[in-house]
Amino acid sequence: MQVEQTALDGVLILTPRRFGDDRGWFSEVWNRRALTKAGITADFVQDNHSMSRAKGTLRGLHYQAPPNPQAKLVRCGVGAIWDVAVDARHGSPTYGQWVGVELSAANGRQLFVPEGFLHGFSTLSEGAEVLYKCTDYYAPAADGTVAWNSAALQIDWKLDRQPELSAKDAAAPDFAEWNSPFVWEGAR
């Protein structure tokens, strides 16, 4: 598996090897031993699968606050998405910075998003299916969202029109007015 560091410490792009023949291909998308060697020791406890019908759907920016923070390993099984992680750890040298990467069924890439980061994606195709592992169970009381279009973040969502949003995401607070529950470990 190829592991690439991004501009945000701990956010990694993983590209599993594909073994193909006339029938198609096979890929090992998670292997604890191999990823531990790359520094990922996450203990995943829940798998999620979402489907967005329309191109231009946006989900995020989501987080789960302590005591139930989640790291995620995200991939796109059908179609294509623009996946985004935002550093939300107070005291971090990259606080408020973001990275984005195209994840698609064709490229097989995955994004590892550590605890303390906001996560969201926009769909680049019709019928995009996203699969992601989480390190903690869904906890409704810890669930939160930050505005996708925050002027403080200036995220390029790769959209050519206004996105389709959930009511929760449409009403999310702006990053500049939001009080992050996350603290960078280096600040302690």
N, C-alpha and C. Protein backbone atom coordinates (compact mmCIF):
# COMPACT_ATOMS: atom_id res chain seq x y z
N MET A 1 0.84 -1.17 0.00
CA MET A 1 0.00 0.00 0.00
C MET A 1 0.89 1.24 0.00
N GLN A 2 0.57 2.17 -0.86
CA GLN A 2 1.30 3.44 -0.92
C GLN A 2 0.68 4.39 0.11
N VAL A 3 1.52 5.03 0.92
CA VAL A 3 1.06 5.97 1.94
C VAL A 3 1.72 7.31 1.67
N GLU A 4 0.88 8.37 1.49
CA GLU A 4 1.39 9.71 1.22
C GLU A 4 0.99 10.64 2.36
N GLN A 5 1.95 11.42 2.85
CA GLN A 5 1.68 12.45 3.85
C GLN A 5 1.08 13.65 3.13
N THR A 6 0.13 14.33 3.76
CA THR A 6 -0.42 15.56 3.21
C THR A 6 0.20 16.75 3.95
N ALA A 7 -0.26 17.94 3.64
CA ALA A 7 0.23 19.14 4.31
C ALA A 7 -0.21 19.22 5.77
N LEU A 8 -1.18 18.38 6.16
CA LEU A 8 -1.67 18.36 7.54
C LEU A 8 -1.16 17.10 8.23
N ASP A 9 -0.41 17.28 9.31
CA ASP A 9 0.17 16.17 10.04
C ASP A 9 -0.89 15.16 10.46
N GLY A 10 -0.70 13.91 10.07
CA GLY A 10 -1.61 12.84 10.45
C GLY A 10 -2.67 12.53 9.40
N VAL A 11 -2.96 13.46 8.51
CA VAL A 11 -3.91 13.20 7.43
C VAL A 11 -3.12 12.54 6.30
N LEU A 12 -3.50 11.32 5.96
CA LEU A 12 -2.74 10.53 5.00
C LEU A 12 -3.60 10.09 3.83
N ILE A 13 -2.99 10.02 2.66
CA ILE A 13 -3.63 9.44 1.48
C ILE A 13 -3.07 8.03 1.31
N LEU A 14 -3.96 7.06 1.28
CA LEU A 14 -3.57 5.66 1.14
C LEU A 14 -4.04 5.17 -0.22
N THR A 15 -3.16 4.55 -0.95
CA THR A 15 -3.54 3.98 -2.24
C THR A 15 -3.18 2.50 -2.23
N PRO A 16 -4.18 1.65 -2.02
CA PRO A 16 -3.93 0.21 -2.02
C PRO A 16 -3.55 -0.28 -3.42
N ARG A 17 -2.73 -1.31 -3.46
CA ARG A 17 -2.37 -1.94 -4.73
C ARG A 17 -3.58 -2.69 -5.27
N ARG A 18 -3.71 -2.69 -6.58
CA ARG A 18 -4.76 -3.46 -7.24
C ARG A 18 -4.11 -4.54 -8.09
N PHE A 19 -4.70 -5.73 -8.01
CA PHE A 19 -4.22 -6.86 -8.78
C PHE A 19 -5.33 -7.22 -9.76
N GLY A 20 -5.09 -7.02 -11.04
CA GLY A 20 -6.13 -7.20 -12.03
C GLY A 20 -5.85 -8.28 -13.04
N ASP A 21 -6.93 -8.72 -13.66
CA ASP A 21 -6.86 -9.64 -14.78
C ASP A 21 -8.09 -9.38 -15.65
N ASP A 22 -8.42 -10.29 -16.53
CA ASP A 22 -9.54 -10.09 -17.44
C ASP A 22 -10.89 -9.96 -16.73
N ARG A 23 -10.98 -10.48 -15.52
CA ARG A 23 -12.24 -10.44 -14.77
C ARG A 23 -12.46 -9.11 -14.08
N GLY A 24 -11.38 -8.36 -13.79
CA GLY A 24 -11.47 -7.12 -13.03
C GLY A 24 -10.24 -6.99 -12.15
N TRP A 25 -10.43 -6.62 -10.88
CA TRP A 25 -9.30 -6.43 -9.99
C TRP A 25 -9.67 -6.81 -8.55
N PHE A 26 -8.62 -6.97 -7.74
CA PHE A 26 -8.75 -7.22 -6.30
C PHE A 26 -7.83 -6.23 -5.59
N SER A 27 -8.30 -5.73 -4.43
CA SER A 27 -7.49 -4.81 -3.65
C SER A 27 -7.73 -5.04 -2.17
N GLU A 28 -6.65 -5.05 -1.41
CA GLU A 28 -6.75 -5.13 0.05
C GLU A 28 -6.77 -3.70 0.56
N VAL A 29 -7.93 -3.25 1.08
CA VAL A 29 -8.09 -1.84 1.45
C VAL A 29 -7.73 -1.54 2.90
N TRP A 30 -7.62 -2.56 3.73
CA TRP A 30 -7.22 -2.36 5.12
C TRP A 30 -6.46 -3.57 5.60
N ASN A 31 -5.29 -3.33 6.19
CA ASN A 31 -4.48 -4.38 6.77
C ASN A 31 -3.80 -3.77 7.99
N ARG A 32 -4.21 -4.18 9.17
CA ARG A 32 -3.70 -3.59 10.41
C ARG A 32 -2.17 -3.62 10.49
N ARG A 33 -1.57 -4.75 10.13
CA ARG A 33 -0.12 -4.88 10.22
C ARG A 33 0.59 -3.88 9.30
N ALA A 34 0.14 -3.78 8.06
CA ALA A 34 0.77 -2.87 7.11
C ALA A 34 0.58 -1.41 7.51
N LEU A 35 -0.62 -1.07 7.98
CA LEU A 35 -0.88 0.32 8.34
C LEU A 35 -0.22 0.71 9.66
N THR A 36 -0.04 -0.24 10.56
CA THR A 36 0.68 0.05 11.80
C THR A 36 2.12 0.46 11.47
N LYS A 37 2.72 -0.21 10.49
CA LYS A 37 4.07 0.17 10.05
C LYS A 37 4.10 1.60 9.52
N ALA A 38 2.97 2.06 8.97
CA ALA A 38 2.88 3.43 8.43
C ALA A 38 2.46 4.43 9.51
N GLY A 39 2.28 3.95 10.75
CA GLY A 39 1.94 4.86 11.85
C GLY A 39 0.47 4.97 12.16
N ILE A 40 -0.38 4.22 11.47
CA ILE A 40 -1.82 4.25 11.73
C ILE A 40 -2.16 3.09 12.66
N THR A 41 -2.50 3.42 13.90
CA THR A 41 -2.82 2.39 14.89
C THR A 41 -4.29 2.46 15.29
N ALA A 42 -5.10 3.09 14.48
CA ALA A 42 -6.52 3.28 14.77
C ALA A 42 -7.22 1.94 14.97
N ASP A 43 -8.10 1.92 15.95
CA ASP A 43 -8.92 0.74 16.23
C ASP A 43 -10.32 1.03 15.73
N PHE A 44 -10.64 0.58 14.53
CA PHE A 44 -11.93 0.86 13.93
C PHE A 44 -13.02 -0.02 14.53
N VAL A 45 -14.17 0.59 14.86
CA VAL A 45 -15.26 -0.13 15.51
C VAL A 45 -16.57 -0.06 14.73
N GLN A 46 -16.62 0.77 13.69
CA GLN A 46 -17.88 0.95 12.96
C GLN A 46 -17.57 1.27 11.50
N ASP A 47 -18.31 0.63 10.58
CA ASP A 47 -18.23 0.94 9.15
C ASP A 47 -19.51 1.62 8.72
N ASN A 48 -19.38 2.68 7.91
CA ASN A 48 -20.54 3.41 7.40
C ASN A 48 -20.50 3.43 5.88
N HIS A 49 -21.67 3.57 5.28
CA HIS A 49 -21.80 3.57 3.82
C HIS A 49 -22.88 4.58 3.48
N SER A 50 -22.53 5.60 2.68
CA SER A 50 -23.54 6.57 2.26
C SER A 50 -23.61 6.61 0.75
N MET A 51 -24.78 6.99 0.23
CA MET A 51 -24.98 7.15 -1.20
C MET A 51 -25.61 8.51 -1.44
N SER A 52 -25.05 9.26 -2.35
CA SER A 52 -25.59 10.56 -2.73
C SER A 52 -26.01 10.46 -4.19
N ARG A 53 -27.28 10.70 -4.44
CA ARG A 53 -27.81 10.54 -5.80
C ARG A 53 -27.25 11.58 -6.78
N ALA A 54 -27.25 12.85 -6.36
CA ALA A 54 -26.93 13.93 -7.30
C ALA A 54 -25.47 14.37 -7.22
N LYS A 55 -24.90 14.67 -8.37
CA LYS A 55 -23.61 15.34 -8.43
C LYS A 55 -23.81 16.71 -7.78
N GLY A 56 -22.84 17.16 -6.98
CA GLY A 56 -22.98 18.45 -6.32
C GLY A 56 -23.62 18.38 -4.95
N THR A 57 -23.75 17.18 -4.41
CA THR A 57 -24.21 17.02 -3.03
C THR A 57 -23.01 17.25 -2.12
N LEU A 58 -23.24 17.94 -1.02
CA LEU A 58 -22.15 18.20 -0.07
C LEU A 58 -22.57 17.72 1.31
N ARG A 59 -21.70 16.96 1.94
CA ARG A 59 -21.93 16.46 3.30
C ARG A 59 -20.78 16.95 4.17
N GLY A 60 -21.10 17.77 5.16
CA GLY A 60 -20.04 18.26 6.05
C GLY A 60 -20.15 19.75 6.25
N LEU A 61 -19.28 20.20 7.01
CA LEU A 61 -18.11 19.61 7.67
C LEU A 61 -18.53 18.99 8.99
N HIS A 62 -18.30 17.72 9.18
CA HIS A 62 -18.78 17.00 10.35
C HIS A 62 -17.64 16.66 11.31
N TYR A 63 -18.02 16.46 12.57
CA TYR A 63 -17.08 16.00 13.60
C TYR A 63 -17.88 15.33 14.70
N GLN A 64 -17.17 14.61 15.53
CA GLN A 64 -17.74 14.04 16.74
C GLN A 64 -16.82 14.45 17.88
N ALA A 65 -17.36 15.22 18.82
CA ALA A 65 -16.58 15.83 19.90
C ALA A 65 -16.19 14.82 20.98
N PRO A 66 -15.12 15.15 21.72
CA PRO A 66 -14.79 14.35 22.90
C PRO A 66 -15.98 14.34 23.87
N PRO A 67 -16.21 13.26 24.54
CA PRO A 67 -15.32 12.10 24.73
C PRO A 67 -15.46 11.02 23.67
N ASN A 68 -16.12 11.33 22.55
CA ASN A 68 -16.34 10.34 21.50
C ASN A 68 -15.76 10.76 20.15
N PRO A 69 -14.52 11.28 20.11
CA PRO A 69 -13.99 11.71 18.81
C PRO A 69 -13.77 10.51 17.89
N GLN A 70 -13.84 10.77 16.61
CA GLN A 70 -13.66 9.70 15.63
C GLN A 70 -12.54 10.03 14.66
N ALA A 71 -11.68 9.08 14.42
CA ALA A 71 -10.81 9.09 13.25
C ALA A 71 -11.57 8.32 12.18
N LYS A 72 -11.31 8.64 10.91
CA LYS A 72 -12.03 7.98 9.82
C LYS A 72 -11.07 7.56 8.72
N LEU A 73 -11.38 6.46 8.08
CA LEU A 73 -10.70 6.04 6.87
C LEU A 73 -11.77 6.00 5.79
N VAL A 74 -11.66 6.92 4.82
CA VAL A 74 -12.73 7.18 3.85
C VAL A 74 -12.30 6.72 2.46
N ARG A 75 -13.23 6.08 1.75
CA ARG A 75 -13.00 5.73 0.35
C ARG A 75 -14.29 5.83 -0.43
N CYS A 76 -14.20 5.90 -1.72
CA CYS A 76 -15.37 6.00 -2.59
C CYS A 76 -15.47 4.71 -3.38
N GLY A 77 -16.56 3.97 -3.19
CA GLY A 77 -16.73 2.68 -3.85
C GLY A 77 -17.41 2.78 -5.20
N VAL A 78 -18.21 3.84 -5.41
CA VAL A 78 -18.90 4.06 -6.68
C VAL A 78 -18.83 5.55 -6.98
N GLY A 79 -18.43 5.92 -8.19
CA GLY A 79 -18.38 7.33 -8.57
C GLY A 79 -17.13 8.02 -8.07
N ALA A 80 -17.29 9.33 -7.74
CA ALA A 80 -16.14 10.13 -7.31
C ALA A 80 -16.58 11.24 -6.37
N ILE A 81 -15.70 11.56 -5.40
CA ILE A 81 -15.95 12.65 -4.46
C ILE A 81 -14.70 13.50 -4.31
N TRP A 82 -14.88 14.71 -3.81
CA TRP A 82 -13.78 15.57 -3.37
C TRP A 82 -13.85 15.53 -1.85
N ASP A 83 -12.88 14.89 -1.22
CA ASP A 83 -12.88 14.66 0.22
C ASP A 83 -11.99 15.69 0.90
N VAL A 84 -12.48 16.27 2.00
CA VAL A 84 -11.81 17.37 2.66
C VAL A 84 -11.64 17.10 4.15
N ALA A 85 -10.46 17.41 4.68
CA ALA A 85 -10.19 17.37 6.12
C ALA A 85 -9.67 18.74 6.54
N VAL A 86 -10.18 19.24 7.68
CA VAL A 86 -9.80 20.55 8.21
C VAL A 86 -9.25 20.37 9.61
N ASP A 87 -8.07 20.91 9.87
CA ASP A 87 -7.48 20.84 11.21
C ASP A 87 -8.28 21.72 12.16
N ALA A 88 -8.88 21.12 13.18
CA ALA A 88 -9.72 21.85 14.14
C ALA A 88 -9.14 21.75 15.55
N ARG A 89 -7.84 21.48 15.67
CA ARG A 89 -7.19 21.31 16.97
C ARG A 89 -6.59 22.64 17.43
N HIS A 90 -7.18 23.25 18.45
CA HIS A 90 -6.64 24.49 19.00
C HIS A 90 -5.16 24.31 19.33
N GLY A 91 -4.35 25.30 18.96
CA GLY A 91 -2.92 25.24 19.25
C GLY A 91 -2.09 24.60 18.16
N SER A 92 -2.73 23.94 17.22
CA SER A 92 -2.00 23.29 16.14
C SER A 92 -1.42 24.34 15.20
N PRO A 93 -0.20 24.12 14.70
CA PRO A 93 0.36 25.08 13.74
C PRO A 93 -0.42 25.14 12.42
N THR A 94 -1.28 24.14 12.17
CA THR A 94 -2.08 24.14 10.94
C THR A 94 -3.58 24.31 11.23
N TYR A 95 -3.90 24.84 12.42
CA TYR A 95 -5.30 25.06 12.79
C TYR A 95 -6.02 25.87 11.71
N GLY A 96 -7.17 25.38 11.26
CA GLY A 96 -7.97 26.07 10.25
C GLY A 96 -7.53 25.82 8.83
N GLN A 97 -6.48 25.04 8.62
CA GLN A 97 -6.05 24.71 7.27
C GLN A 97 -6.72 23.42 6.82
N TRP A 98 -6.84 23.26 5.52
CA TRP A 98 -7.54 22.09 4.97
C TRP A 98 -6.73 21.45 3.85
N VAL A 99 -7.03 20.18 3.60
CA VAL A 99 -6.54 19.47 2.44
C VAL A 99 -7.72 18.79 1.78
N GLY A 100 -7.63 18.64 0.47
CA GLY A 100 -8.66 17.94 -0.29
C GLY A 100 -8.01 16.97 -1.26
N VAL A 101 -8.72 15.89 -1.52
CA VAL A 101 -8.21 14.87 -2.44
C VAL A 101 -9.41 14.21 -3.14
N GLU A 102 -9.24 13.92 -4.41
CA GLU A 102 -10.28 13.19 -5.12
C GLU A 102 -10.17 11.71 -4.78
N LEU A 103 -11.27 11.17 -4.30
CA LEU A 103 -11.38 9.74 -4.06
C LEU A 103 -12.41 9.22 -5.05
N SER A 104 -12.08 8.13 -5.71
CA SER A 104 -13.01 7.58 -6.69
C SER A 104 -12.90 6.07 -6.75
N ALA A 105 -13.92 5.46 -7.34
CA ALA A 105 -13.86 4.02 -7.56
C ALA A 105 -12.71 3.71 -8.51
N ALA A 106 -12.44 4.61 -9.44
CA ALA A 106 -11.38 4.38 -10.42
C ALA A 106 -9.98 4.48 -9.82
N ASN A 107 -9.73 5.47 -8.94
CA ASN A 107 -8.36 5.63 -8.43
C ASN A 107 -8.09 4.83 -7.16
N GLY A 108 -9.12 4.37 -6.46
CA GLY A 108 -8.94 3.51 -5.29
C GLY A 108 -8.32 4.18 -4.08
N ARG A 109 -8.10 5.48 -4.13
CA ARG A 109 -7.46 6.18 -3.02
C ARG A 109 -8.39 6.24 -1.81
N GLN A 110 -7.75 6.36 -0.63
CA GLN A 110 -8.46 6.51 0.63
C GLN A 110 -7.84 7.68 1.38
N LEU A 111 -8.63 8.31 2.26
CA LEU A 111 -8.10 9.39 3.08
C LEU A 111 -8.27 9.00 4.54
N PHE A 112 -7.16 9.04 5.28
CA PHE A 112 -7.21 8.82 6.72
C PHE A 112 -7.32 10.19 7.38
N VAL A 113 -8.40 10.38 8.15
CA VAL A 113 -8.68 11.64 8.84
C VAL A 113 -8.59 11.37 10.34
N PRO A 114 -7.57 11.89 11.03
CA PRO A 114 -7.42 11.62 12.47
C PRO A 114 -8.47 12.35 13.31
N GLU A 115 -8.54 11.99 14.58
CA GLU A 115 -9.37 12.72 15.53
C GLU A 115 -8.93 14.18 15.56
N GLY A 116 -9.87 15.08 15.78
CA GLY A 116 -9.53 16.50 15.87
C GLY A 116 -9.63 17.24 14.55
N PHE A 117 -10.09 16.56 13.53
CA PHE A 117 -10.25 17.17 12.21
C PHE A 117 -11.73 17.16 11.83
N LEU A 118 -12.15 18.21 11.13
CA LEU A 118 -13.48 18.23 10.51
C LEU A 118 -13.37 17.45 9.21
N HIS A 119 -14.49 16.86 8.80
CA HIS A 119 -14.49 16.06 7.57
C HIS A 119 -15.75 16.36 6.76
N GLY A 120 -15.58 16.43 5.45
CA GLY A 120 -16.71 16.60 4.56
C GLY A 120 -16.32 16.21 3.15
N PHE A 121 -17.34 16.08 2.29
CA PHE A 121 -17.05 15.77 0.89
C PHE A 121 -18.16 16.32 0.00
N SER A 122 -17.78 16.59 -1.24
CA SER A 122 -18.75 16.94 -2.28
C SER A 122 -18.69 15.85 -3.34
N THR A 123 -19.83 15.58 -3.96
CA THR A 123 -19.87 14.52 -4.95
C THR A 123 -19.52 15.09 -6.33
N LEU A 124 -18.62 14.42 -7.00
CA LEU A 124 -18.18 14.81 -8.34
C LEU A 124 -18.90 14.02 -9.42
N SER A 125 -19.75 13.08 -9.00
CA SER A 125 -20.48 12.23 -9.95
C SER A 125 -21.87 11.95 -9.40
N GLU A 126 -22.73 11.50 -10.27
CA GLU A 126 -24.05 11.02 -9.85
C GLU A 126 -23.85 9.69 -9.11
N GLY A 127 -24.69 9.42 -8.13
CA GLY A 127 -24.69 8.13 -7.47
C GLY A 127 -23.39 7.76 -6.78
N ALA A 128 -22.76 8.72 -6.13
CA ALA A 128 -21.49 8.44 -5.45
C ALA A 128 -21.75 7.70 -4.14
N GLU A 129 -21.01 6.63 -3.93
CA GLU A 129 -21.12 5.85 -2.70
C GLU A 129 -19.81 5.96 -1.92
N VAL A 130 -19.94 6.35 -0.65
CA VAL A 130 -18.78 6.57 0.22
C VAL A 130 -18.83 5.54 1.34
N LEU A 131 -17.69 4.91 1.58
CA LEU A 131 -17.56 3.93 2.65
C LEU A 131 -16.47 4.41 3.59
N TYR A 132 -16.75 4.39 4.90
CA TYR A 132 -15.72 4.84 5.82
C TYR A 132 -15.81 4.12 7.15
N LYS A 133 -14.62 3.87 7.68
CA LYS A 133 -14.44 3.24 8.98
C LYS A 133 -14.30 4.34 10.02
N CYS A 134 -14.80 4.09 11.24
CA CYS A 134 -14.70 5.05 12.34
C CYS A 134 -14.12 4.37 13.57
N THR A 135 -13.39 5.17 14.38
CA THR A 135 -12.75 4.62 15.57
C THR A 135 -13.63 4.72 16.82
N ASP A 136 -14.79 5.33 16.72
CA ASP A 136 -15.73 5.33 17.84
C ASP A 136 -17.13 5.20 17.26
N TYR A 137 -18.05 4.75 18.08
CA TYR A 137 -19.44 4.59 17.67
C TYR A 137 -20.10 5.95 17.54
N TYR A 138 -21.13 6.02 16.71
CA TYR A 138 -21.88 7.26 16.57
C TYR A 138 -22.48 7.63 17.92
N ALA A 139 -22.28 8.88 18.33
CA ALA A 139 -22.79 9.39 19.60
C ALA A 139 -23.56 10.68 19.31
N PRO A 140 -24.89 10.62 19.25
CA PRO A 140 -25.67 11.80 18.87
C PRO A 140 -25.34 13.05 19.69
N ALA A 141 -25.06 12.92 20.97
CA ALA A 141 -24.77 14.08 21.81
C ALA A 141 -23.43 14.73 21.44
N ALA A 142 -22.55 13.99 20.79
CA ALA A 142 -21.23 14.51 20.42
C ALA A 142 -21.16 14.95 18.96
N ASP A 143 -22.23 14.72 18.22
CA ASP A 143 -22.28 15.01 16.79
C ASP A 143 -22.33 16.51 16.54
N GLY A 144 -21.54 16.99 15.58
CA GLY A 144 -21.55 18.42 15.25
C GLY A 144 -21.19 18.67 13.81
N THR A 145 -21.43 19.91 13.39
CA THR A 145 -21.13 20.32 12.03
C THR A 145 -20.71 21.78 12.01
N VAL A 146 -19.87 22.12 11.06
CA VAL A 146 -19.38 23.48 10.85
C VAL A 146 -19.70 23.86 9.41
N ALA A 147 -19.97 25.13 9.17
CA ALA A 147 -20.38 25.59 7.84
C ALA A 147 -19.36 25.23 6.76
N TRP A 148 -19.84 24.63 5.72
CA TRP A 148 -19.02 24.20 4.60
C TRP A 148 -18.40 25.39 3.85
N ASN A 149 -19.10 26.52 3.91
CA ASN A 149 -18.69 27.69 3.12
C ASN A 149 -18.12 28.80 3.99
N SER A 150 -17.51 28.45 5.09
CA SER A 150 -16.92 29.44 6.00
C SER A 150 -15.86 30.28 5.27
N ALA A 151 -16.01 31.60 5.36
CA ALA A 151 -15.03 32.50 4.76
C ALA A 151 -13.65 32.32 5.38
N ALA A 152 -13.60 31.91 6.64
CA ALA A 152 -12.32 31.71 7.32
C ALA A 152 -11.54 30.53 6.75
N LEU A 153 -12.24 29.57 6.13
CA LEU A 153 -11.58 28.37 5.62
C LEU A 153 -11.26 28.44 4.13
N GLN A 154 -12.12 29.09 3.35
CA GLN A 154 -11.89 29.23 1.89
C GLN A 154 -11.67 27.88 1.21
N ILE A 155 -12.53 26.91 1.49
CA ILE A 155 -12.39 25.58 0.89
C ILE A 155 -12.91 25.60 -0.54
N ASP A 156 -12.12 25.05 -1.44
CA ASP A 156 -12.55 24.84 -2.83
C ASP A 156 -13.19 23.46 -2.89
N TRP A 157 -14.50 23.42 -3.01
CA TRP A 157 -15.24 22.16 -3.00
C TRP A 157 -15.37 21.54 -4.40
N LYS A 158 -14.79 22.15 -5.40
CA LYS A 158 -14.85 21.62 -6.78
C LYS A 158 -16.30 21.54 -7.28
N LEU A 159 -17.09 22.55 -6.93
CA LEU A 159 -18.50 22.60 -7.32
C LEU A 159 -18.70 23.61 -8.44
N ASP A 160 -19.67 23.34 -9.30
CA ASP A 160 -19.99 24.30 -10.35
C ASP A 160 -21.35 24.96 -10.12
N ARG A 161 -21.95 24.70 -8.96
CA ARG A 161 -23.23 25.30 -8.57
C ARG A 161 -23.39 25.18 -7.06
N GLN A 162 -24.45 25.78 -6.53
CA GLN A 162 -24.74 25.65 -5.09
C GLN A 162 -24.98 24.18 -4.78
N PRO A 163 -24.40 23.67 -3.69
CA PRO A 163 -24.54 22.25 -3.38
C PRO A 163 -25.90 21.90 -2.77
N GLU A 164 -26.23 20.63 -2.86
CA GLU A 164 -27.39 20.09 -2.15
C GLU A 164 -26.90 19.78 -0.74
N LEU A 165 -27.62 20.30 0.27
CA LEU A 165 -27.22 20.17 1.67
C LEU A 165 -28.35 19.59 2.50
N SER A 166 -28.00 18.99 3.62
CA SER A 166 -29.00 18.62 4.62
C SER A 166 -29.38 19.89 5.38
N ALA A 167 -30.51 19.86 6.07
CA ALA A 167 -30.93 21.00 6.88
C ALA A 167 -29.90 21.28 7.97
N LYS A 168 -29.34 20.23 8.55
CA LYS A 168 -28.32 20.38 9.60
C LYS A 168 -27.09 21.09 9.07
N ASP A 169 -26.61 20.68 7.89
CA ASP A 169 -25.42 21.30 7.33
C ASP A 169 -25.69 22.74 6.89
N ALA A 170 -26.88 23.02 6.41
CA ALA A 170 -27.22 24.38 5.98
C ALA A 170 -27.27 25.35 7.16
N ALA A 171 -27.56 24.85 8.35
CA ALA A 171 -27.68 25.71 9.54
C ALA A 171 -26.43 25.70 10.41
N ALA A 172 -25.35 25.11 9.94
CA ALA A 172 -24.13 24.97 10.74
C ALA A 172 -23.47 26.31 11.02
N PRO A 173 -22.82 26.45 12.19
CA PRO A 173 -22.12 27.70 12.51
C PRO A 173 -20.87 27.89 11.66
N ASP A 174 -20.49 29.13 11.45
CA ASP A 174 -19.27 29.47 10.73
C ASP A 174 -18.06 29.07 11.57
N PHE A 175 -16.99 28.65 10.92
CA PHE A 175 -15.78 28.23 11.61
C PHE A 175 -15.26 29.32 12.54
N ALA A 176 -15.30 30.58 12.10
CA ALA A 176 -14.77 31.70 12.89
C ALA A 176 -15.56 31.92 14.18
N GLU A 177 -16.81 31.49 14.22
CA GLU A 177 -17.67 31.67 15.40
C GLU A 177 -17.82 30.39 16.22
N TRP A 178 -17.27 29.31 15.75
CA TRP A 178 -17.40 28.00 16.38
C TRP A 178 -16.28 27.80 17.38
N ASN A 179 -16.61 27.20 18.52
CA ASN A 179 -15.61 26.90 19.55
C ASN A 179 -15.24 25.43 19.46
N SER A 180 -14.07 25.16 18.91
CA SER A 180 -13.63 23.79 18.70
C SER A 180 -13.42 23.08 20.04
N PRO A 181 -13.89 21.83 20.15
CA PRO A 181 -13.65 21.04 21.36
C PRO A 181 -12.32 20.29 21.34
N PHE A 182 -11.53 20.48 20.28
CA PHE A 182 -10.30 19.72 20.09
C PHE A 182 -9.07 20.55 20.45
N VAL A 183 -8.07 19.89 21.04
CA VAL A 183 -6.81 20.54 21.40
C VAL A 183 -5.67 19.73 20.82
N TRP A 184 -4.73 20.42 20.21
CA TRP A 184 -3.55 19.76 19.64
C TRP A 184 -2.70 19.21 20.77
N GLU A 185 -2.27 17.97 20.63
CA GLU A 185 -1.47 17.32 21.68
C GLU A 185 -0.19 18.08 21.97
N GLY A 186 0.41 18.73 20.96
CA GLY A 186 1.64 19.48 21.15
C GLY A 186 1.45 20.74 21.98
N ALA A 187 0.19 21.16 22.16
CA ALA A 187 -0.11 22.37 22.94
C ALA A 187 -0.29 22.06 24.42
N ARG A 188 -0.30 20.80 24.78
CA ARG A 188 -0.54 20.41 26.17
C ARG A 188 0.71 20.43 26.98
